Structure formats: C-alpha cells, structure tokens
Amino acid sequence: MRLLYKDTAGNLERCTVPMFRLHVDAIFTATVIRHHAERPEHRAAIGTQDEPDRLESAYNAWRSAPKPLPRLA
C-alpha cells in the first residue's frame, strides 16, 4: 500500500507499507496511519490499549453507518 501524507511542515510525503504478510484490513490500516499523520496530538496514545480500542470502535461505527446510494443518470 502506498500512502501520501503531509508532514508537520505541510510537505507532501510518501511511504510504502507492505501488506502481503499482514492479516489486517488495508482500509483500516491506511485510515489509522492517515489519522495519526494528520493529528499529531493523538500520536502520544499510540501503543496504549485505549488507542486501538478507540480507533476500532470509530472504524466499526463508520463501516456500519448507512451510506448514501450513488445517483443513477
């Protein structure tokens, strides 16, 4: 998975995360990485039990929320 993000100075950065050996949802992983890249105030919570619980709860709520249907022409 290739990720683009802005560093704290606003510069565009890129990184590659090998996903072939990981048994995790790629969308969840990308979302979490982007969240912490864009919200440095949440980085201190990385490694605590509360942070993955919070992220998983928010992600599950997003996945189960009704999504609008696309408009047909």
Foldseek 3Di string as FASTA:
>chain_A
DKDWAAAPVRDIDIDDDDPPPPPDDPVLVNVVVRVCRVDVVCVVCPPPPVVVVVSVVVVVVVVPDDDDDDDDD
